[in-house]
Amino acid sequence: MHIDDLRALAPLWLSKTEEVRQDKSHWSTNITGDIYGMGWISEMYGYSFGAAEVGLRHKINDDIMIYPGYTPRPGIEPLILHYGLPFKVGNWSFSKLEHREDGIIYDC
């Protein structure tokens, strides 16, 4: 992203985020994926809507991030684990929601 892209995007990112936060009827987990149902991930939607409006195009790489429930293609080893949603690998599991009151989430 070039600085000029960011200058065009920033005000829209903020305004779209505020619009999403005001639209409380769409905060539920089954619509936004926000496990808290509090609108906390509205900035991600604000970014997406703002970027689309200014015409930014994105390249998606399979090796950047893995999400819970996503199985990478053979030979792909993602660099980042997105831990916002509960996930389980074998007999090991993790849920960010279970640790919202302790230091695991904030101290990592």
PDB file of N, CA and C in Angstrom:
ATOM      1  N   MET A   1       0.844  -1.172   0.000  1.00  0.00           N
ATOM      2  CA  MET A   1       0.000   0.000   0.000  1.00  0.00           C
ATOM      3  C   MET A   1       0.889   1.234   0.000  1.00  0.00           C
ATOM      4  N   HIS A   2       0.593   2.163  -0.842  1.00  0.00           N
ATOM      5  CA  HIS A   2       1.320   3.427  -0.929  1.00  0.00           C
ATOM      6  C   HIS A   2       0.704   4.422   0.057  1.00  0.00           C
ATOM      7  N   ILE A   3       1.476   5.395   0.510  1.00  0.00           N
ATOM      8  CA  ILE A   3       0.978   6.389   1.466  1.00  0.00           C
ATOM      9  C   ILE A   3      -0.246   7.126   0.917  1.00  0.00           C
ATOM     10  N   ASP A   4      -0.290   7.339  -0.394  1.00  0.00           N
ATOM     11  CA  ASP A   4      -1.460   8.005  -0.985  1.00  0.00           C
ATOM     12  C   ASP A   4      -2.713   7.134  -0.864  1.00  0.00           C
ATOM     13  N   ASP A   5      -2.523   5.812  -0.955  1.00  0.00           N
ATOM     14  CA  ASP A   5      -3.652   4.899  -0.746  1.00  0.00           C
ATOM     15  C   ASP A   5      -4.175   5.025   0.681  1.00  0.00           C
ATOM     16  N   LEU A   6      -3.253   5.068   1.628  1.00  0.00           N
ATOM     17  CA  LEU A   6      -3.636   5.174   3.028  1.00  0.00           C
ATOM     18  C   LEU A   6      -4.343   6.501   3.312  1.00  0.00           C
ATOM     19  N   ARG A   7      -3.872   7.575   2.673  1.00  0.00           N
ATOM     20  CA  ARG A   7      -4.529   8.881   2.857  1.00  0.00           C
ATOM     21  C   ARG A   7      -5.961   8.859   2.342  1.00  0.00           C
ATOM     22  N   ALA A   8      -6.188   8.153   1.247  1.00  0.00           N
ATOM     23  CA  ALA A   8      -7.549   8.040   0.703  1.00  0.00           C
ATOM     24  C   ALA A   8      -8.395   7.102   1.552  1.00  0.00           C
ATOM     25  N   LEU A   9      -7.773   6.046   2.059  1.00  0.00           N
ATOM     26  CA  LEU A   9      -8.494   5.027   2.798  1.00  0.00           C
ATOM     27  C   LEU A   9      -8.840   5.440   4.228  1.00  0.00           C
ATOM     28  N   ALA A  10      -7.926   6.111   4.923  1.00  0.00           N
ATOM     29  CA  ALA A  10      -8.081   6.371   6.360  1.00  0.00           C
ATOM     30  C   ALA A  10      -9.429   6.987   6.743  1.00  0.00           C
ATOM     31  N   PRO A  11      -9.868   8.052   6.091  1.00  0.00           N
ATOM     32  CA  PRO A  11     -11.153   8.621   6.517  1.00  0.00           C
ATOM     33  C   PRO A  11     -12.333   7.678   6.265  1.00  0.00           C
ATOM     34  N   LEU A  12     -12.275   6.932   5.171  1.00  0.00           N
ATOM     35  CA  LEU A  12     -13.347   5.977   4.889  1.00  0.00           C
ATOM     36  C   LEU A  12     -13.300   4.808   5.855  1.00  0.00           C
ATOM     37  N   TRP A  13     -12.104   4.365   6.191  1.00  0.00           N
ATOM     38  CA  TRP A  13     -11.945   3.272   7.156  1.00  0.00           C
ATOM     39  C   TRP A  13     -12.646   3.655   8.463  1.00  0.00           C
ATOM     40  N   LEU A  14     -12.380   4.879   8.926  1.00  0.00           N
ATOM     41  CA  LEU A  14     -12.993   5.339  10.165  1.00  0.00           C
ATOM     42  C   LEU A  14     -14.513   5.465  10.025  1.00  0.00           C
ATOM     43  N   SER A  15     -14.979   6.095   8.969  1.00  0.00           N
ATOM     44  CA  SER A  15     -16.425   6.305   8.839  1.00  0.00           C
ATOM     45  C   SER A  15     -17.171   4.991   8.645  1.00  0.00           C
ATOM     46  N   LYS A  16     -16.601   4.069   7.874  1.00  0.00           N
ATOM     47  CA  LYS A  16     -17.250   2.768   7.683  1.00  0.00           C
ATOM     48  C   LYS A  16     -17.248   1.964   8.989  1.00  0.00           C
ATOM     49  N   THR A  17     -16.168   2.062   9.764  1.00  0.00           N
ATOM     50  CA  THR A  17     -16.114   1.394  11.062  1.00  0.00           C
ATOM     51  C   THR A  17     -17.210   1.926  11.972  1.00  0.00           C
ATOM     52  N   GLU A  18     -17.386   3.243  11.989  1.00  0.00           N
ATOM     53  CA  GLU A  18     -18.433   3.839  12.813  1.00  0.00           C
ATOM     54  C   GLU A  18     -19.822   3.390  12.350  1.00  0.00           C
ATOM     55  N   GLU A  19     -20.018   3.274  11.037  1.00  0.00           N
ATOM     56  CA  GLU A  19     -21.302   2.789  10.522  1.00  0.00           C
ATOM     57  C   GLU A  19     -21.582   1.364  10.990  1.00  0.00           C
ATOM     58  N   VAL A  20     -20.553   0.507  10.913  1.00  0.00           N
ATOM     59  CA  VAL A  20     -20.722  -0.884  11.341  1.00  0.00           C
ATOM     60  C   VAL A  20     -21.030  -0.932  12.837  1.00  0.00           C
ATOM     61  N   ARG A  21     -20.346  -0.117  13.625  1.00  0.00           N
ATOM     62  CA  ARG A  21     -20.580  -0.113  15.080  1.00  0.00           C
ATOM     63  C   ARG A  21     -21.997   0.346  15.428  1.00  0.00           C
ATOM     64  N   GLN A  22     -22.560   1.210  14.605  1.00  0.00           N
ATOM     65  CA  GLN A  22     -23.925   1.684  14.856  1.00  0.00           C
ATOM     66  C   GLN A  22     -24.973   0.652  14.453  1.00  0.00           C
ATOM     67  N   ASP A  23     -24.603  -0.283  13.600  1.00  0.00           N
ATOM     68  CA  ASP A  23     -25.539  -1.276  13.087  1.00  0.00           C
ATOM     69  C   ASP A  23     -25.564  -2.500  14.012  1.00  0.00           C
ATOM     70  N   LYS A  24     -26.049  -2.306  15.223  1.00  0.00           N
ATOM     71  CA  LYS A  24     -25.991  -3.346  16.253  1.00  0.00           C
ATOM     72  C   LYS A  24     -26.780  -4.601  15.908  1.00  0.00           C
ATOM     73  N   SER A  25     -27.731  -4.496  15.018  1.00  0.00           N
ATOM     74  CA  SER A  25     -28.519  -5.686  14.662  1.00  0.00           C
ATOM     75  C   SER A  25     -27.678  -6.716  13.920  1.00  0.00           C
ATOM     76  N   HIS A  26     -26.503  -6.319  13.435  1.00  0.00           N
ATOM     77  CA  HIS A  26     -25.629  -7.250  12.717  1.00  0.00           C
ATOM     78  C   HIS A  26     -24.394  -7.645  13.517  1.00  0.00           C
ATOM     79  N   TRP A  27     -24.401  -7.430  14.811  1.00  0.00           N
ATOM     80  CA  TRP A  27     -23.256  -7.784  15.648  1.00  0.00           C
ATOM     81  C   TRP A  27     -23.228  -9.251  16.021  1.00  0.00           C
ATOM     82  N   SER A  28     -24.288  -9.963  15.821  1.00  0.00           N
ATOM     83  CA  SER A  28     -24.355 -11.340  16.313  1.00  0.00           C
ATOM     84  C   SER A  28     -23.284 -12.219  15.681  1.00  0.00           C
ATOM     85  N   THR A  29     -22.856 -13.211  16.432  1.00  0.00           N
ATOM     86  CA  THR A  29     -21.770 -14.095  16.026  1.00  0.00           C
ATOM     87  C   THR A  29     -22.015 -14.753  14.674  1.00  0.00           C
ATOM     88  N   ASN A  30     -23.251 -15.168  14.427  1.00  0.00           N
ATOM     89  CA  ASN A  30     -23.513 -15.878  13.174  1.00  0.00           C
ATOM     90  C   ASN A  30     -23.459 -14.967  11.954  1.00  0.00           C
ATOM     91  N   ILE A  31     -23.439 -13.661  12.129  1.00  0.00           N
ATOM     92  CA  ILE A  31     -23.345 -12.739  10.986  1.00  0.00           C
ATOM     93  C   ILE A  31     -21.921 -12.229  10.807  1.00  0.00           C
ATOM     94  N   THR A  32     -21.315 -11.736  11.885  1.00  0.00           N
ATOM     95  CA  THR A  32     -19.990 -11.121  11.763  1.00  0.00           C
ATOM     96  C   THR A  32     -18.848 -12.039  12.157  1.00  0.00           C
ATOM     97  N   GLY A  33     -19.123 -13.084  12.929  1.00  0.00           N
ATOM     98  CA  GLY A  33     -18.051 -13.924  13.436  1.00  0.00           C
ATOM     99  C   GLY A  33     -17.436 -13.376  14.710  1.00  0.00           C
ATOM    100  N   ASP A  34     -17.966 -12.262  15.230  1.00  0.00           N
ATOM    101  CA  ASP A  34     -17.467 -11.668  16.470  1.00  0.00           C
ATOM    102  C   ASP A  34     -17.937 -12.533  17.637  1.00  0.00           C
ATOM    103  N   ILE A  35     -17.026 -13.298  18.231  1.00  0.00           N
ATOM    104  CA  ILE A  35     -17.424 -14.242  19.273  1.00  0.00           C
ATOM    105  C   ILE A  35     -17.990 -13.548  20.502  1.00  0.00           C
ATOM    106  N   TYR A  36     -17.726 -12.262  20.673  1.00  0.00           N
ATOM    107  CA  TYR A  36     -18.264 -11.534  21.808  1.00  0.00           C
ATOM    108  C   TYR A  36     -19.612 -10.887  21.482  1.00  0.00           C
ATOM    109  N   GLY A  37     -19.935 -10.747  20.209  1.00  0.00           N
ATOM    110  CA  GLY A  37     -21.176 -10.089  19.822  1.00  0.00           C
ATOM    111  C   GLY A  37     -21.240  -8.645  20.285  1.00  0.00           C
ATOM    112  N   MET A  38     -20.080  -7.980  20.350  1.00  0.00           N
ATOM    113  CA  MET A  38     -20.001  -6.618  20.866  1.00  0.00           C
ATOM    114  C   MET A  38     -19.567  -5.593  19.816  1.00  0.00           C
ATOM    115  N   GLY A  39     -19.405  -6.005  18.581  1.00  0.00           N
ATOM    116  CA  GLY A  39     -18.979  -5.067  17.545  1.00  0.00           C
ATOM    117  C   GLY A  39     -17.499  -4.773  17.551  1.00  0.00           C
ATOM    118  N   TRP A  40     -16.716  -5.565  18.276  1.00  0.00           N
ATOM    119  CA  TRP A  40     -15.290  -5.287  18.412  1.00  0.00           C
ATOM    120  C   TRP A  40     -14.515  -5.493  17.126  1.00  0.00           C
ATOM    121  N   ILE A  41     -15.032  -6.261  16.206  1.00  0.00           N
ATOM    122  CA  ILE A  41     -14.289  -6.478  14.963  1.00  0.00           C
ATOM    123  C   ILE A  41     -14.781  -5.552  13.848  1.00  0.00           C
ATOM    124  N   SER A  42     -15.515  -4.520  14.232  1.00  0.00           N
ATOM    125  CA  SER A  42     -16.074  -3.604  13.240  1.00  0.00           C
ATOM    126  C   SER A  42     -14.992  -2.908  12.416  1.00  0.00           C
ATOM    127  N   GLU A  43     -13.799  -2.711  12.984  1.00  0.00           N
ATOM    128  CA  GLU A  43     -12.746  -2.042  12.209  1.00  0.00           C
ATOM    129  C   GLU A  43     -12.286  -2.895  11.028  1.00  0.00           C
ATOM    130  N   MET A  44     -12.395  -4.218  11.158  1.00  0.00           N
ATOM    131  CA  MET A  44     -12.024  -5.072  10.027  1.00  0.00           C
ATOM    132  C   MET A  44     -13.020  -4.893   8.892  1.00  0.00           C
ATOM    133  N   TYR A  45     -14.302  -4.800   9.239  1.00  0.00           N
ATOM    134  CA  TYR A  45     -15.309  -4.543   8.216  1.00  0.00           C
ATOM    135  C   TYR A  45     -15.169  -3.132   7.668  1.00  0.00           C
ATOM    136  N   GLY A  46     -14.877  -2.171   8.544  1.00  0.00           N
ATOM    137  CA  GLY A  46     -14.661  -0.795   8.100  1.00  0.00           C
ATOM    138  C   GLY A  46     -13.528  -0.710   7.101  1.00  0.00           C
ATOM    139  N   TYR A  47     -12.438  -1.430   7.383  1.00  0.00           N
ATOM    140  CA  TYR A  47     -11.312  -1.464   6.447  1.00  0.00           C
ATOM    141  C   TYR A  47     -11.754  -2.048   5.106  1.00  0.00           C
ATOM    142  N   SER A  48     -12.427  -3.187   5.149  1.00  0.00           N
ATOM    143  CA  SER A  48     -12.830  -3.859   3.914  1.00  0.00           C
ATOM    144  C   SER A  48     -13.747  -2.986   3.064  1.00  0.00           C
ATOM    145  N   PHE A  49     -14.744  -2.376   3.696  1.00  0.00           N
ATOM    146  CA  PHE A  49     -15.677  -1.533   2.949  1.00  0.00           C
ATOM    147  C   PHE A  49     -14.982  -0.285   2.427  1.00  0.00           C
ATOM    148  N   GLY A  50     -14.138   0.328   3.265  1.00  0.00           N
ATOM    149  CA  GLY A  50     -13.407   1.523   2.834  1.00  0.00           C
ATOM    150  C   GLY A  50     -12.438   1.221   1.704  1.00  0.00           C
ATOM    151  N   ALA A  51     -11.705   0.114   1.808  1.00  0.00           N
ATOM    152  CA  ALA A  51     -10.753  -0.271   0.756  1.00  0.00           C
ATOM    153  C   ALA A  51     -11.477  -0.526  -0.560  1.00  0.00           C
ATOM    154  N   ALA A  52     -12.619  -1.166  -0.482  1.00  0.00           N
ATOM    155  CA  ALA A  52     -13.386  -1.424  -1.702  1.00  0.00           C
ATOM    156  C   ALA A  52     -13.847  -0.111  -2.329  1.00  0.00           C
ATOM    157  N   GLU A  53     -14.272   0.820  -1.497  1.00  0.00           N
ATOM    158  CA  GLU A  53     -14.784   2.083  -2.019  1.00  0.00           C
ATOM    159  C   GLU A  53     -13.700   2.915  -2.697  1.00  0.00           C
ATOM    160  N   VAL A  54     -12.453   2.864  -2.198  1.00  0.00           N
ATOM    161  CA  VAL A  54     -11.378   3.628  -2.845  1.00  0.00           C
ATOM    162  C   VAL A  54     -10.690   2.826  -3.945  1.00  0.00           C
ATOM    163  N   GLY A  55     -11.124   1.583  -4.147  1.00  0.00           N
ATOM    164  CA  GLY A  55     -10.599   0.778  -5.257  1.00  0.00           C
ATOM    165  C   GLY A  55      -9.301   0.050  -4.981  1.00  0.00           C
ATOM    166  N   LEU A  56      -8.964  -0.164  -3.700  1.00  0.00           N
ATOM    167  CA  LEU A  56      -7.741  -0.919  -3.402  1.00  0.00           C
ATOM    168  C   LEU A  56      -7.958  -2.391  -3.727  1.00  0.00           C
ATOM    169  N   ARG A  57      -6.973  -2.988  -4.333  1.00  0.00           N
ATOM    170  CA  ARG A  57      -7.029  -4.418  -4.645  1.00  0.00           C
ATOM    171  C   ARG A  57      -6.045  -5.135  -3.749  1.00  0.00           C
ATOM    172  N   HIS A  58      -6.408  -6.341  -3.338  1.00  0.00           N
ATOM    173  CA  HIS A  58      -5.590  -7.095  -2.407  1.00  0.00           C
ATOM    174  C   HIS A  58      -5.155  -8.416  -3.018  1.00  0.00           C
ATOM    175  N   LYS A  59      -3.981  -8.839  -2.610  1.00  0.00           N
ATOM    176  CA  LYS A  59      -3.480 -10.146  -2.997  1.00  0.00           C
ATOM    177  C   LYS A  59      -3.585 -11.050  -1.774  1.00  0.00           C
ATOM    178  N   ILE A  60      -4.209 -12.196  -1.938  1.00  0.00           N
ATOM    179  CA  ILE A  60      -4.359 -13.135  -0.841  1.00  0.00           C
ATOM    180  C   ILE A  60      -3.352 -14.264  -1.014  1.00  0.00           C
ATOM    181  N   ASN A  61      -2.546 -14.477   0.005  1.00  0.00           N
ATOM    182  CA  ASN A  61      -1.542 -15.534  -0.011  1.00  0.00           C
ATOM    183  C   ASN A  61      -1.959 -16.648   0.940  1.00  0.00           C
ATOM    184  N   ASP A  62      -1.929 -17.879   0.472  1.00  0.00           N
ATOM    185  CA  ASP A  62      -2.307 -19.020   1.300  1.00  0.00           C
ATOM    186  C   ASP A  62      -1.368 -19.246   2.478  1.00  0.00           C
ATOM    187  N   ASP A  63      -0.149 -18.731   2.401  1.00  0.00           N
ATOM    188  CA  ASP A  63       0.824 -19.040   3.443  1.00  0.00           C
ATOM    189  C   ASP A  63       0.914 -17.976   4.536  1.00  0.00           C
ATOM    190  N   ILE A  64       0.002 -17.009   4.536  1.00  0.00           N
ATOM    191  CA  ILE A  64       0.066 -15.959   5.547  1.00  0.00           C
ATOM    192  C   ILE A  64      -0.628 -16.365   6.841  1.00  0.00           C
ATOM    193  N   MET A  65      -1.895 -16.804   6.759  1.00  0.00           N
ATOM    194  CA  MET A  65      -2.665 -17.016   7.972  1.00  0.00           C
ATOM    195  C   MET A  65      -3.542 -18.249   7.875  1.00  0.00           C
ATOM    196  N   ILE A  66      -3.689 -18.918   9.000  1.00  0.00           N
ATOM    197  CA  ILE A  66      -4.612 -20.051   9.092  1.00  0.00           C
ATOM    198  C   ILE A  66      -5.700 -19.697  10.110  1.00  0.00           C
ATOM    199  N   TYR A  67      -6.910 -20.064   9.788  1.00  0.00           N
ATOM    200  CA  TYR A  67      -8.058 -19.815  10.652  1.00  0.00           C
ATOM    201  C   TYR A  67      -8.545 -21.134  11.227  1.00  0.00           C
ATOM    202  N   PRO A  68      -9.237 -21.091  12.360  1.00  0.00           N
ATOM    203  CA  PRO A  68      -9.812 -22.317  12.901  1.00  0.00           C
ATOM    204  C   PRO A  68     -10.742 -22.968  11.871  1.00  0.00           C
ATOM    205  N   GLY A  69     -10.622 -24.260  11.724  1.00  0.00           N
ATOM    206  CA  GLY A  69     -11.463 -24.988  10.784  1.00  0.00           C
ATOM    207  C   GLY A  69     -10.943 -24.997   9.362  1.00  0.00           C
ATOM    208  N   TYR A  70      -9.873 -24.248   9.096  1.00  0.00           N
ATOM    209  CA  TYR A  70      -9.298 -24.183   7.758  1.00  0.00           C
ATOM    210  C   TYR A  70      -8.161 -25.189   7.655  1.00  0.00           C
ATOM    211  N   THR A  71      -8.177 -25.984   6.616  1.00  0.00           N
ATOM    212  CA  THR A  71      -7.108 -26.947   6.392  1.00  0.00           C
ATOM    213  C   THR A  71      -6.261 -26.468   5.225  1.00  0.00           C
ATOM    214  N   PRO A  72      -4.994 -26.158   5.470  1.00  0.00           N
ATOM    215  CA  PRO A  72      -4.140 -25.677   4.378  1.00  0.00           C
ATOM    216  C   PRO A  72      -3.952 -26.746   3.305  1.00  0.00           C
ATOM    217  N   ARG A  73      -3.698 -26.296   2.096  1.00  0.00           N
ATOM    218  CA  ARG A  73      -3.383 -27.232   1.015  1.00  0.00           C
ATOM    219  C   ARG A  73      -2.049 -27.905   1.308  1.00  0.00           C
ATOM    220  N   PRO A  74      -1.834 -29.095   0.764  1.00  0.00           N
ATOM    221  CA  PRO A  74      -0.558 -29.795   0.992  1.00  0.00           C
ATOM    222  C   PRO A  74       0.637 -28.902   0.640  1.00  0.00           C
ATOM    223  N   GLY A  75       1.622 -28.888   1.518  1.00  0.00           N
ATOM    224  CA  GLY A  75       2.835 -28.104   1.289  1.00  0.00           C
ATOM    225  C   GLY A  75       2.755 -26.678   1.789  1.00  0.00           C
ATOM    226  N   ILE A  76       1.585 -26.210   2.221  1.00  0.00           N
ATOM    227  CA  ILE A  76       1.420 -24.843   2.719  1.00  0.00           C
ATOM    228  C   ILE A  76       1.568 -24.848   4.240  1.00  0.00           C
ATOM    229  N   GLU A  77       2.450 -23.989   4.756  1.00  0.00           N
ATOM    230  CA  GLU A  77       2.635 -23.834   6.191  1.00  0.00           C
ATOM    231  C   GLU A  77       2.430 -22.371   6.548  1.00  0.00           C
ATOM    232  N   PRO A  78       1.202 -21.994   6.949  1.00  0.00           N
ATOM    233  CA  PRO A  78       0.908 -20.587   7.254  1.00  0.00           C
ATOM    234  C   PRO A  78       1.813 -20.022   8.340  1.00  0.00           C
ATOM    235  N   LEU A  79       2.085 -18.723   8.244  1.00  0.00           N
ATOM    236  CA  LEU A  79       2.981 -18.040   9.166  1.00  0.00           C
ATOM    237  C   LEU A  79       2.296 -17.564  10.441  1.00  0.00           C
ATOM    238  N   ILE A  80       0.987 -17.293  10.365  1.00  0.00           N
ATOM    239  CA  ILE A  80       0.250 -16.725  11.486  1.00  0.00           C
ATOM    240  C   ILE A  80      -0.976 -17.584  11.761  1.00  0.00           C
ATOM    241  N   LEU A  81      -1.256 -17.811  13.042  1.00  0.00           N
ATOM    242  CA  LEU A  81      -2.472 -18.496  13.442  1.00  0.00           C
ATOM    243  C   LEU A  81      -3.453 -17.447  13.942  1.00  0.00           C
ATOM    244  N   HIS A  82      -4.609 -17.342  13.307  1.00  0.00           N
ATOM    245  CA  HIS A  82      -5.649 -16.415  13.746  1.00  0.00           C
ATOM    246  C   HIS A  82      -6.430 -17.114  14.846  1.00  0.00           C
ATOM    247  N   TYR A  83      -6.298 -16.648  16.069  1.00  0.00           N
ATOM    248  CA  TYR A  83      -6.861 -17.366  17.193  1.00  0.00           C
ATOM    249  C   TYR A  83      -8.123 -16.701  17.739  1.00  0.00           C
ATOM    250  N   GLY A  84      -8.791 -15.858  16.983  1.00  0.00           N
ATOM    251  CA  GLY A  84      -9.987 -15.183  17.464  1.00  0.00           C
ATOM    252  C   GLY A  84     -11.142 -16.122  17.725  1.00  0.00           C
ATOM    253  N   LEU A  85     -11.207 -17.211  17.015  1.00  0.00           N
ATOM    254  CA  LEU A  85     -12.278 -18.184  17.182  1.00  0.00           C
ATOM    255  C   LEU A  85     -11.726 -19.443  17.832  1.00  0.00           C
ATOM    256  N   PRO A  86     -12.577 -20.198  18.511  1.00  0.00           N
ATOM    257  CA  PRO A  86     -12.106 -21.449  19.119  1.00  0.00           C
ATOM    258  C   PRO A  86     -11.614 -22.427  18.054  1.00  0.00           C
ATOM    259  N   PHE A  87     -10.580 -23.178  18.370  1.00  0.00           N
ATOM    260  CA  PHE A  87     -10.098 -24.186  17.430  1.00  0.00           C
ATOM    261  C   PHE A  87      -9.559 -25.389  18.186  1.00  0.00           C
ATOM    262  N   LYS A  88      -9.444 -26.499  17.471  1.00  0.00           N
ATOM    263  CA  LYS A  88      -8.956 -27.732  18.068  1.00  0.00           C
ATOM    264  C   LYS A  88      -8.067 -28.448  17.066  1.00  0.00           C
ATOM    265  N   VAL A  89      -6.930 -28.917  17.548  1.00  0.00           N
ATOM    266  CA  VAL A  89      -6.009 -29.715  16.740  1.00  0.00           C
ATOM    267  C   VAL A  89      -5.728 -30.974  17.548  1.00  0.00           C
ATOM    268  N   GLY A  90      -6.181 -32.114  17.063  1.00  0.00           N
ATOM    269  CA  GLY A  90      -6.041 -33.351  17.825  1.00  0.00           C
ATOM    270  C   GLY A  90      -6.757 -33.234  19.151  1.00  0.00           C
ATOM    271  N   ASN A  91      -6.030 -33.467  20.255  1.00  0.00           N
ATOM    272  CA  ASN A  91      -6.662 -33.342  21.569  1.00  0.00           C
ATOM    273  C   ASN A  91      -6.333 -32.007  22.237  1.00  0.00           C
ATOM    274  N   TRP A  92      -5.758 -31.063  21.501  1.00  0.00           N
ATOM    275  CA  TRP A  92      -5.398 -29.743  22.018  1.00  0.00           C
ATOM    276  C   TRP A  92      -6.366 -28.711  21.464  1.00  0.00           C
ATOM    277  N   SER A  93      -6.822 -27.806  22.307  1.00  0.00           N
ATOM    278  CA  SER A  93      -7.747 -26.776  21.831  1.00  0.00           C
ATOM    279  C   SER A  93      -7.440 -25.451  22.516  1.00  0.00           C
ATOM    280  N   PHE A  94      -7.940 -24.380  21.925  1.00  0.00           N
ATOM    281  CA  PHE A  94      -7.767 -23.042  22.478  1.00  0.00           C
ATOM    282  C   PHE A  94      -8.970 -22.200  22.103  1.00  0.00           C
ATOM    283  N   SER A  95      -9.447 -21.423  23.055  1.00  0.00           N
ATOM    284  CA  SER A  95     -10.530 -20.475  22.806  1.00  0.00           C
ATOM    285  C   SER A  95     -10.166 -19.151  23.467  1.00  0.00           C
ATOM    286  N   LYS A  96     -10.032 -18.114  22.675  1.00  0.00           N
ATOM    287  CA  LYS A  96      -9.694 -16.797  23.196  1.00  0.00           C
ATOM    288  C   LYS A  96     -10.729 -16.344  24.224  1.00  0.00           C
ATOM    289  N   LEU A  97     -11.988 -16.684  23.984  1.00  0.00           N
ATOM    290  CA  LEU A  97     -13.067 -16.283  24.876  1.00  0.00           C
ATOM    291  C   LEU A  97     -12.862 -16.813  26.301  1.00  0.00           C
ATOM    292  N   GLU A  98     -12.261 -18.000  26.429  1.00  0.00           N
ATOM    293  CA  GLU A  98     -12.035 -18.578  27.750  1.00  0.00           C
ATOM    294  C   GLU A  98     -10.961 -17.828  28.537  1.00  0.00           C
ATOM    295  N   HIS A  99     -10.164 -16.991  27.863  1.00  0.00           N
ATOM    296  CA  HIS A  99      -9.044 -16.312  28.512  1.00  0.00           C
ATOM    297  C   HIS A  99      -9.169 -14.792  28.492  1.00  0.00           C
ATOM    298  N   ARG A 100     -10.377 -14.273  28.313  1.00  0.00           N
ATOM    299  CA  ARG A 100     -10.504 -12.827  28.187  1.00  0.00           C
ATOM    300  C   ARG A 100     -10.225 -12.072  29.485  1.00  0.00           C
ATOM    301  N   GLU A 101     -10.232 -12.760  30.612  1.00  0.00           N
ATOM    302  CA  GLU A 101      -9.998 -12.112  31.896  1.00  0.00           C
ATOM    303  C   GLU A 101      -8.579 -12.303  32.427  1.00  0.00           C
ATOM    304  N   ASP A 102      -7.799 -13.182  31.782  1.00  0.00           N
ATOM    305  CA  ASP A 102      -6.434 -13.405  32.279  1.00  0.00           C
ATOM    306  C   ASP A 102      -5.408 -12.826  31.301  1.00  0.00           C
ATOM    307  N   GLY A 103      -4.134 -13.011  31.615  1.00  0.00           N
ATOM    308  CA  GLY A 103      -3.080 -12.366  30.849  1.00  0.00           C
ATOM    309  C   GLY A 103      -2.699 -13.031  29.551  1.00  0.00           C
ATOM    310  N   ILE A 104      -3.192 -14.222  29.272  1.00  0.00           N
ATOM    311  CA  ILE A 104      -2.744 -14.934  28.079  1.00  0.00           C
ATOM    312  C   ILE A 104      -2.938 -14.114  26.818  1.00  0.00           C
ATOM    313  N   ILE A 105      -4.089 -13.520  26.655  1.00  0.00           N
ATOM    314  CA  ILE A 105      -4.406 -12.772  25.438  1.00  0.00           C
ATOM    315  C   ILE A 105      -3.596 -11.483  25.366  1.00  0.00           C
ATOM    316  N   TYR A 106      -3.472 -10.767  26.473  1.00  0.00           N
ATOM    317  CA  TYR A 106      -2.866  -9.439  26.457  1.00  0.00           C
ATOM    318  C   TYR A 106      -1.355  -9.461  26.620  1.00  0.00           C
ATOM    319  N   ASP A 107      -0.813 -10.496  27.245  1.00  0.00           N
ATOM    320  CA  ASP A 107       0.626 -10.547  27.501  1.00  0.00           C
ATOM    321  C   ASP A 107       1.420 -11.211  26.384  1.00  0.00           C
ATOM    322  N   CYS A 108       0.763 -11.919  25.484  1.00  0.00           N
ATOM    323  CA  CYS A 108       1.478 -12.633  24.425  1.00  0.00           C
ATOM    324  C   CYS A 108       2.124 -11.660  23.458  1.00  0.00           C
TER     325      CYS A 108
END
